[in-house]
Amino acid sequence: MIAQKAIRVKAIWDNEARVWVATSEDVPGLITESENLEDLVQKLKTLIPELLEANGSISKFKGTEIPFNLLSERSEIASCKGS
């Protein structure tokens, strides 16, 4: 089997909404959110093939498996308690 290039999906934590928001330049129209990363992965497993098929891009993925990498980013603040 020929190795396929994995789709890159970026998830950023929205602190105000308290959800992970995922988008991808590799999958036009992909934007979804979830309260945790595990649920987000499950959503992506459904949405990625659906959107690729809707966009006519599914033919470049041979077989039934579409690899994707989920890159997450969350910014926080740590406080230093000086003496």
PDB file of N, CA and C in Angstrom:
ATOM      1  N   MET A   1       0.838  -1.189   0.000  1.00  0.00           N
ATOM      2  CA  MET A   1       0.000   0.000   0.000  1.00  0.00           C
ATOM      3  C   MET A   1       0.879   1.247   0.000  1.00  0.00           C
ATOM      4  N   ILE A   2       0.547   2.210  -0.800  1.00  0.00           N
ATOM      5  CA  ILE A   2       1.298   3.459  -0.881  1.00  0.00           C
ATOM      6  C   ILE A   2       0.865   4.367   0.263  1.00  0.00           C
ATOM      7  N   ALA A   3       1.864   4.936   0.951  1.00  0.00           N
ATOM      8  CA  ALA A   3       1.557   5.834   2.069  1.00  0.00           C
ATOM      9  C   ALA A   3       0.879   7.101   1.551  1.00  0.00           C
ATOM     10  N   GLN A   4      -0.184   7.490   2.224  1.00  0.00           N
ATOM     11  CA  GLN A   4      -0.910   8.696   1.846  1.00  0.00           C
ATOM     12  C   GLN A   4      -0.501   9.835   2.763  1.00  0.00           C
ATOM     13  N   LYS A   5      -0.511  11.015   2.221  1.00  0.00           N
ATOM     14  CA  LYS A   5      -0.233  12.191   3.028  1.00  0.00           C
ATOM     15  C   LYS A   5      -1.418  12.404   3.971  1.00  0.00           C
ATOM     16  N   ALA A   6      -1.126  12.567   5.240  1.00  0.00           N
ATOM     17  CA  ALA A   6      -2.185  12.767   6.226  1.00  0.00           C
ATOM     18  C   ALA A   6      -2.751  14.180   6.126  1.00  0.00           C
ATOM     19  N   ILE A   7      -4.036  14.269   6.307  1.00  0.00           N
ATOM     20  CA  ILE A   7      -4.719  15.565   6.351  1.00  0.00           C
ATOM     21  C   ILE A   7      -4.369  16.237   7.671  1.00  0.00           C
ATOM     22  N   ARG A   8      -4.104  17.527   7.614  1.00  0.00           N
ATOM     23  CA  ARG A   8      -3.783  18.285   8.827  1.00  0.00           C
ATOM     24  C   ARG A   8      -5.039  19.017   9.299  1.00  0.00           C
ATOM     25  N   VAL A   9      -5.378  18.772  10.548  1.00  0.00           N
ATOM     26  CA  VAL A   9      -6.520  19.436  11.179  1.00  0.00           C
ATOM     27  C   VAL A   9      -5.989  20.166  12.403  1.00  0.00           C
ATOM     28  N   LYS A  10      -6.356  21.425  12.543  1.00  0.00           N
ATOM     29  CA  LYS A  10      -5.908  22.219  13.681  1.00  0.00           C
ATOM     30  C   LYS A  10      -7.092  22.462  14.610  1.00  0.00           C
ATOM     31  N   ALA A  11      -6.884  22.192  15.896  1.00  0.00           N
ATOM     32  CA  ALA A  11      -7.910  22.432  16.907  1.00  0.00           C
ATOM     33  C   ALA A  11      -7.388  23.477  17.886  1.00  0.00           C
ATOM     34  N   ILE A  12      -8.161  24.520  18.073  1.00  0.00           N
ATOM     35  CA  ILE A  12      -7.789  25.593  19.002  1.00  0.00           C
ATOM     36  C   ILE A  12      -8.853  25.685  20.085  1.00  0.00           C
ATOM     37  N   TRP A  13      -8.407  25.791  21.317  1.00  0.00           N
ATOM     38  CA  TRP A  13      -9.314  25.899  22.446  1.00  0.00           C
ATOM     39  C   TRP A  13      -9.905  27.303  22.500  1.00  0.00           C
ATOM     40  N   ASP A  14     -11.239  27.385  22.514  1.00  0.00           N
ATOM     41  CA  ASP A  14     -11.950  28.652  22.668  1.00  0.00           C
ATOM     42  C   ASP A  14     -12.359  28.737  24.140  1.00  0.00           C
ATOM     43  N   ASN A  15     -11.607  29.514  24.901  1.00  0.00           N
ATOM     44  CA  ASN A  15     -11.818  29.589  26.336  1.00  0.00           C
ATOM     45  C   ASN A  15     -13.179  30.183  26.689  1.00  0.00           C
ATOM     46  N   GLU A  16     -13.643  31.120  25.889  1.00  0.00           N
ATOM     47  CA  GLU A  16     -14.936  31.750  26.154  1.00  0.00           C
ATOM     48  C   GLU A  16     -16.090  30.764  25.954  1.00  0.00           C
ATOM     49  N   ALA A  17     -16.055  30.026  24.855  1.00  0.00           N
ATOM     50  CA  ALA A  17     -17.114  29.059  24.556  1.00  0.00           C
ATOM     51  C   ALA A  17     -16.875  27.710  25.243  1.00  0.00           C
ATOM     52  N   ARG A  18     -15.644  27.485  25.731  1.00  0.00           N
ATOM     53  CA  ARG A  18     -15.263  26.241  26.410  1.00  0.00           C
ATOM     54  C   ARG A  18     -15.368  25.026  25.478  1.00  0.00           C
ATOM     55  N   VAL A  19     -14.904  25.212  24.231  1.00  0.00           N
ATOM     56  CA  VAL A  19     -14.905  24.131  23.249  1.00  0.00           C
ATOM     57  C   VAL A  19     -13.626  24.165  22.419  1.00  0.00           C
ATOM     58  N   TRP A  20     -13.288  23.020  21.846  1.00  0.00           N
ATOM     59  CA  TRP A  20     -12.237  22.922  20.849  1.00  0.00           C
ATOM     60  C   TRP A  20     -12.871  23.199  19.492  1.00  0.00           C
ATOM     61  N   VAL A  21     -12.251  24.073  18.705  1.00  0.00           N
ATOM     62  CA  VAL A  21     -12.742  24.400  17.367  1.00  0.00           C
ATOM     63  C   VAL A  21     -11.721  23.869  16.350  1.00  0.00           C
ATOM     64  N   ALA A  22     -12.178  22.995  15.460  1.00  0.00           N
ATOM     65  CA  ALA A  22     -11.291  22.364  14.482  1.00  0.00           C
ATOM     66  C   ALA A  22     -11.562  22.881  13.081  1.00  0.00           C
ATOM     67  N   THR A  23     -10.483  23.162  12.345  1.00  0.00           N
ATOM     68  CA  THR A  23     -10.547  23.574  10.947  1.00  0.00           C
ATOM     69  C   THR A  23      -9.399  22.893  10.195  1.00  0.00           C
ATOM     70  N   SER A  24      -9.488  22.904   8.868  1.00  0.00           N
ATOM     71  CA  SER A  24      -8.424  22.327   8.062  1.00  0.00           C
ATOM     72  C   SER A  24      -8.384  22.982   6.693  1.00  0.00           C
ATOM     73  N   GLU A  25      -7.198  23.375   6.274  1.00  0.00           N
ATOM     74  CA  GLU A  25      -7.030  23.893   4.911  1.00  0.00           C
ATOM     75  C   GLU A  25      -7.099  22.756   3.894  1.00  0.00           C
ATOM     76  N   ASP A  26      -6.881  21.530   4.347  1.00  0.00           N
ATOM     77  CA  ASP A  26      -6.903  20.364   3.460  1.00  0.00           C
ATOM     78  C   ASP A  26      -8.317  19.872   3.157  1.00  0.00           C
ATOM     79  N   VAL A  27      -9.292  20.301   3.975  1.00  0.00           N
ATOM     80  CA  VAL A  27     -10.680  19.855   3.808  1.00  0.00           C
ATOM     81  C   VAL A  27     -11.569  21.098   3.747  1.00  0.00           C
ATOM     82  N   PRO A  28     -11.854  21.584   2.536  1.00  0.00           N
ATOM     83  CA  PRO A  28     -12.686  22.792   2.416  1.00  0.00           C
ATOM     84  C   PRO A  28     -14.033  22.634   3.123  1.00  0.00           C
ATOM     85  N   GLY A  29     -14.381  23.646   3.908  1.00  0.00           N
ATOM     86  CA  GLY A  29     -15.653  23.652   4.606  1.00  0.00           C
ATOM     87  C   GLY A  29     -15.618  23.018   5.987  1.00  0.00           C
ATOM     88  N   LEU A  30     -14.473  22.448   6.371  1.00  0.00           N
ATOM     89  CA  LEU A  30     -14.412  21.791   7.674  1.00  0.00           C
ATOM     90  C   LEU A  30     -14.307  22.808   8.795  1.00  0.00           C
ATOM     91  N   ILE A  31     -15.301  22.831   9.635  1.00  0.00           N
ATOM     92  CA  ILE A  31     -15.277  23.569  10.899  1.00  0.00           C
ATOM     93  C   ILE A  31     -16.270  22.878  11.816  1.00  0.00           C
ATOM     94  N   THR A  32     -15.763  22.453  12.949  1.00  0.00           N
ATOM     95  CA  THR A  32     -16.601  21.774  13.924  1.00  0.00           C
ATOM     96  C   THR A  32     -16.044  22.045  15.308  1.00  0.00           C
ATOM     97  N   GLU A  33     -16.839  21.753  16.314  1.00  0.00           N
ATOM     98  CA  GLU A  33     -16.395  22.009  17.679  1.00  0.00           C
ATOM     99  C   GLU A  33     -16.869  20.901  18.603  1.00  0.00           C
ATOM    100  N   SER A  34     -16.170  20.782  19.735  1.00  0.00           N
ATOM    101  CA  SER A  34     -16.532  19.807  20.745  1.00  0.00           C
ATOM    102  C   SER A  34     -15.915  20.217  22.078  1.00  0.00           C
ATOM    103  N   GLU A  35     -16.532  19.757  23.157  1.00  0.00           N
ATOM    104  CA  GLU A  35     -16.038  20.098  24.489  1.00  0.00           C
ATOM    105  C   GLU A  35     -14.755  19.359  24.855  1.00  0.00           C
ATOM    106  N   ASN A  36     -14.475  18.230  24.189  1.00  0.00           N
ATOM    107  CA  ASN A  36     -13.224  17.514  24.487  1.00  0.00           C
ATOM    108  C   ASN A  36     -12.646  16.928  23.204  1.00  0.00           C
ATOM    109  N   LEU A  37     -11.366  16.604  23.257  1.00  0.00           N
ATOM    110  CA  LEU A  37     -10.660  16.151  22.060  1.00  0.00           C
ATOM    111  C   LEU A  37     -11.120  14.780  21.578  1.00  0.00           C
ATOM    112  N   GLU A  38     -11.482  13.886  22.485  1.00  0.00           N
ATOM    113  CA  GLU A  38     -11.931  12.560  22.056  1.00  0.00           C
ATOM    114  C   GLU A  38     -13.213  12.642  21.231  1.00  0.00           C
ATOM    115  N   ASP A  39     -14.161  13.449  21.680  1.00  0.00           N
ATOM    116  CA  ASP A  39     -15.399  13.629  20.908  1.00  0.00           C
ATOM    117  C   ASP A  39     -15.118  14.335  19.584  1.00  0.00           C
ATOM    118  N   LEU A  40     -14.162  15.254  19.598  1.00  0.00           N
ATOM    119  CA  LEU A  40     -13.794  15.955  18.373  1.00  0.00           C
ATOM    120  C   LEU A  40     -13.233  14.976  17.341  1.00  0.00           C
ATOM    121  N   VAL A  41     -12.391  14.062  17.776  1.00  0.00           N
ATOM    122  CA  VAL A  41     -11.829  13.050  16.871  1.00  0.00           C
ATOM    123  C   VAL A  41     -12.946  12.222  16.243  1.00  0.00           C
ATOM    124  N   GLN A  42     -13.925  11.823  17.034  1.00  0.00           N
ATOM    125  CA  GLN A  42     -15.039  11.035  16.506  1.00  0.00           C
ATOM    126  C   GLN A  42     -15.826  11.822  15.458  1.00  0.00           C
ATOM    127  N   LYS A  43     -16.054  13.106  15.713  1.00  0.00           N
ATOM    128  CA  LYS A  43     -16.743  13.953  14.727  1.00  0.00           C
ATOM    129  C   LYS A  43     -15.935  14.036  13.431  1.00  0.00           C
ATOM    130  N   LEU A  44     -14.616  14.204  13.570  1.00  0.00           N
ATOM    131  CA  LEU A  44     -13.747  14.347  12.396  1.00  0.00           C
ATOM    132  C   LEU A  44     -13.734  13.074  11.553  1.00  0.00           C
ATOM    133  N   LYS A  45     -13.816  11.925  12.195  1.00  0.00           N
ATOM    134  CA  LYS A  45     -13.834  10.656  11.459  1.00  0.00           C
ATOM    135  C   LYS A  45     -15.057  10.553  10.552  1.00  0.00           C
ATOM    136  N   THR A  46     -16.109  11.238  10.895  1.00  0.00           N
ATOM    137  CA  THR A  46     -17.318  11.262  10.066  1.00  0.00           C
ATOM    138  C   THR A  46     -17.272  12.407   9.066  1.00  0.00           C
ATOM    139  N   LEU A  47     -16.925  13.597   9.541  1.00  0.00           N
ATOM    140  CA  LEU A  47     -16.981  14.795   8.699  1.00  0.00           C
ATOM    141  C   LEU A  47     -15.951  14.820   7.571  1.00  0.00           C
ATOM    142  N   ILE A  48     -14.737  14.373   7.841  1.00  0.00           N
ATOM    143  CA  ILE A  48     -13.681  14.445   6.821  1.00  0.00           C
ATOM    144  C   ILE A  48     -14.074  13.699   5.548  1.00  0.00           C
ATOM    145  N   PRO A  49     -14.455  12.418   5.617  1.00  0.00           N
ATOM    146  CA  PRO A  49     -14.853  11.732   4.374  1.00  0.00           C
ATOM    147  C   PRO A  49     -16.083  12.355   3.711  1.00  0.00           C
ATOM    148  N   GLU A  50     -17.057  12.793   4.534  1.00  0.00           N
ATOM    149  CA  GLU A  50     -18.261  13.413   3.963  1.00  0.00           C
ATOM    150  C   GLU A  50     -17.924  14.676   3.188  1.00  0.00           C
ATOM    151  N   LEU A  51     -17.089  15.524   3.776  1.00  0.00           N
ATOM    152  CA  LEU A  51     -16.735  16.789   3.108  1.00  0.00           C
ATOM    153  C   LEU A  51     -15.852  16.551   1.888  1.00  0.00           C
ATOM    154  N   LEU A  52     -14.920  15.601   1.983  1.00  0.00           N
ATOM    155  CA  LEU A  52     -14.076  15.303   0.820  1.00  0.00           C
ATOM    156  C   LEU A  52     -14.911  14.792  -0.342  1.00  0.00           C
ATOM    157  N   GLU A  53     -15.891  13.960  -0.036  1.00  0.00           N
ATOM    158  CA  GLU A  53     -16.776  13.461  -1.092  1.00  0.00           C
ATOM    159  C   GLU A  53     -17.617  14.598  -1.675  1.00  0.00           C
ATOM    160  N   ALA A  54     -18.156  15.451  -0.810  1.00  0.00           N
ATOM    161  CA  ALA A  54     -18.968  16.579  -1.273  1.00  0.00           C
ATOM    162  C   ALA A  54     -18.160  17.540  -2.132  1.00  0.00           C
ATOM    163  N   ASN A  55     -16.872  17.668  -1.839  1.00  0.00           N
ATOM    164  CA  ASN A  55     -15.994  18.568  -2.595  1.00  0.00           C
ATOM    165  C   ASN A  55     -15.365  17.900  -3.811  1.00  0.00           C
ATOM    166  N   GLY A  56     -15.665  16.612  -4.021  1.00  0.00           N
ATOM    167  CA  GLY A  56     -15.098  15.903  -5.171  1.00  0.00           C
ATOM    168  C   GLY A  56     -13.639  15.548  -5.006  1.00  0.00           C
ATOM    169  N   SER A  57     -13.136  15.543  -3.768  1.00  0.00           N
ATOM    170  CA  SER A  57     -11.719  15.273  -3.521  1.00  0.00           C
ATOM    171  C   SER A  57     -11.451  13.858  -3.054  1.00  0.00           C
ATOM    172  N   ILE A  58     -12.475  13.064  -2.850  1.00  0.00           N
ATOM    173  CA  ILE A  58     -12.303  11.729  -2.282  1.00  0.00           C
ATOM    174  C   ILE A  58     -11.498  10.812  -3.198  1.00  0.00           C
ATOM    175  N   SER A  59     -11.504  11.066  -4.498  1.00  0.00           N
ATOM    176  CA  SER A  59     -10.827  10.176  -5.441  1.00  0.00           C
ATOM    177  C   SER A  59      -9.312  10.151  -5.244  1.00  0.00           C
ATOM    178  N   LYS A  60      -8.720  11.178  -4.667  1.00  0.00           N
ATOM    179  CA  LYS A  60      -7.266  11.170  -4.477  1.00  0.00           C
ATOM    180  C   LYS A  60      -6.849  10.329  -3.271  1.00  0.00           C
ATOM    181  N   PHE A  61      -7.815   9.847  -2.508  1.00  0.00           N
ATOM    182  CA  PHE A  61      -7.525   8.981  -1.375  1.00  0.00           C
ATOM    183  C   PHE A  61      -7.871   7.553  -1.766  1.00  0.00           C
ATOM    184  N   LYS A  62      -6.847   6.742  -1.911  1.00  0.00           N
ATOM    185  CA  LYS A  62      -7.044   5.365  -2.343  1.00  0.00           C
ATOM    186  C   LYS A  62      -7.488   4.521  -1.149  1.00  0.00           C
ATOM    187  N   GLY A  63      -8.410   3.623  -1.371  1.00  0.00           N
ATOM    188  CA  GLY A  63      -8.898   2.775  -0.293  1.00  0.00           C
ATOM    189  C   GLY A  63      -9.944   3.502   0.531  1.00  0.00           C
ATOM    190  N   THR A  64     -10.213   2.978   1.684  1.00  0.00           N
ATOM    191  CA  THR A  64     -11.263   3.551   2.522  1.00  0.00           C
ATOM    192  C   THR A  64     -10.733   4.315   3.720  1.00  0.00           C
ATOM    193  N   GLU A  65      -9.421   4.283   3.954  1.00  0.00           N
ATOM    194  CA  GLU A  65      -8.856   4.964   5.117  1.00  0.00           C
ATOM    195  C   GLU A  65      -8.265   6.304   4.715  1.00  0.00           C
ATOM    196  N   ILE A  66      -8.597   7.320   5.488  1.00  0.00           N
ATOM    197  CA  ILE A  66      -8.080   8.671   5.249  1.00  0.00           C
ATOM    198  C   ILE A  66      -7.347   9.103   6.510  1.00  0.00           C
ATOM    199  N   PRO A  67      -6.019   9.099   6.471  1.00  0.00           N
ATOM    200  CA  PRO A  67      -5.272   9.478   7.666  1.00  0.00           C
ATOM    201  C   PRO A  67      -5.358  10.988   7.920  1.00  0.00           C
ATOM    202  N   PHE A  68      -5.446  11.349   9.199  1.00  0.00           N
ATOM    203  CA  PHE A  68      -5.400  12.766   9.543  1.00  0.00           C
ATOM    204  C   PHE A  68      -4.626  12.974  10.841  1.00  0.00           C
ATOM    205  N   ASN A  69      -3.968  14.124  10.933  1.00  0.00           N
ATOM    206  CA  ASN A  69      -3.246  14.528  12.129  1.00  0.00           C
ATOM    207  C   ASN A  69      -4.004  15.669  12.774  1.00  0.00           C
ATOM    208  N   LEU A  70      -4.296  15.531  14.056  1.00  0.00           N
ATOM    209  CA  LEU A  70      -4.984  16.573  14.802  1.00  0.00           C
ATOM    210  C   LEU A  70      -3.951  17.305  15.646  1.00  0.00           C
ATOM    211  N   LEU A  71      -3.752  18.568  15.334  1.00  0.00           N
ATOM    212  CA  LEU A  71      -2.807  19.405  16.063  1.00  0.00           C
ATOM    213  C   LEU A  71      -3.601  20.331  16.970  1.00  0.00           C
ATOM    214  N   SER A  72      -3.390  20.223  18.273  1.00  0.00           N
ATOM    215  CA  SER A  72      -4.171  21.043  19.199  1.00  0.00           C
ATOM    216  C   SER A  72      -3.319  22.145  19.814  1.00  0.00           C
ATOM    217  N   GLU A  73      -3.979  23.259  20.083  1.00  0.00           N
ATOM    218  CA  GLU A  73      -3.299  24.424  20.658  1.00  0.00           C
ATOM    219  C   GLU A  73      -4.197  25.036  21.722  1.00  0.00           C
ATOM    220  N   ARG A  74      -3.619  25.215  22.903  1.00  0.00           N
ATOM    221  CA  ARG A  74      -4.364  25.819  24.004  1.00  0.00           C
ATOM    222  C   ARG A  74      -3.410  26.712  24.783  1.00  0.00           C
ATOM    223  N   SER A  75      -3.787  27.947  24.972  1.00  0.00           N
ATOM    224  CA  SER A  75      -2.974  28.903  25.718  1.00  0.00           C
ATOM    225  C   SER A  75      -3.536  29.070  27.111  1.00  0.00           C
ATOM    226  N   GLU A  76      -2.652  29.061  28.088  1.00  0.00           N
ATOM    227  CA  GLU A  76      -3.029  29.238  29.486  1.00  0.00           C
ATOM    228  C   GLU A  76      -2.033  30.173  30.139  1.00  0.00           C
ATOM    229  N   ILE A  77      -2.300  30.559  31.375  1.00  0.00           N
ATOM    230  CA  ILE A  77      -1.413  31.433  32.143  1.00  0.00           C
ATOM    231  C   ILE A  77      -1.097  30.746  33.459  1.00  0.00           C
ATOM    232  N   ALA A  78       0.180  30.697  33.788  1.00  0.00           N
ATOM    233  CA  ALA A  78       0.628  30.156  35.074  1.00  0.00           C
ATOM    234  C   ALA A  78       1.023  31.336  35.952  1.00  0.00           C
ATOM    235  N   SER A  79       0.634  31.303  37.211  1.00  0.00           N
ATOM    236  CA  SER A  79       0.954  32.396  38.129  1.00  0.00           C
ATOM    237  C   SER A  79       2.123  32.000  39.032  1.00  0.00           C
ATOM    238  N   CYS A  80       3.019  32.946  39.229  1.00  0.00           N
ATOM    239  CA  CYS A  80       4.151  32.756  40.131  1.00  0.00           C
ATOM    240  C   CYS A  80       3.819  33.440  41.449  1.00  0.00           C
ATOM    241  N   LYS A  81       3.935  32.735  42.516  1.00  0.00           N
ATOM    242  CA  LYS A  81       3.690  33.315  43.823  1.00  0.00           C
ATOM    243  C   LYS A  81       5.047  33.568  44.460  1.00  0.00           C
ATOM    244  N   GLY A  82       5.483  34.817  44.421  1.00  0.00           N
ATOM    245  CA  GLY A  82       6.780  35.183  44.975  1.00  0.00           C
ATOM    246  C   GLY A  82       6.726  35.277  46.505  1.00  0.00           C
ATOM    247  N   SER A  83       7.919  35.238  47.138  1.00  0.00           N
ATOM    248  CA  SER A  83       7.950  35.342  48.591  1.00  0.00           C
ATOM    249  C   SER A  83       8.098  36.747  49.076  1.00  0.00           C
TER     250      SER A  83
END
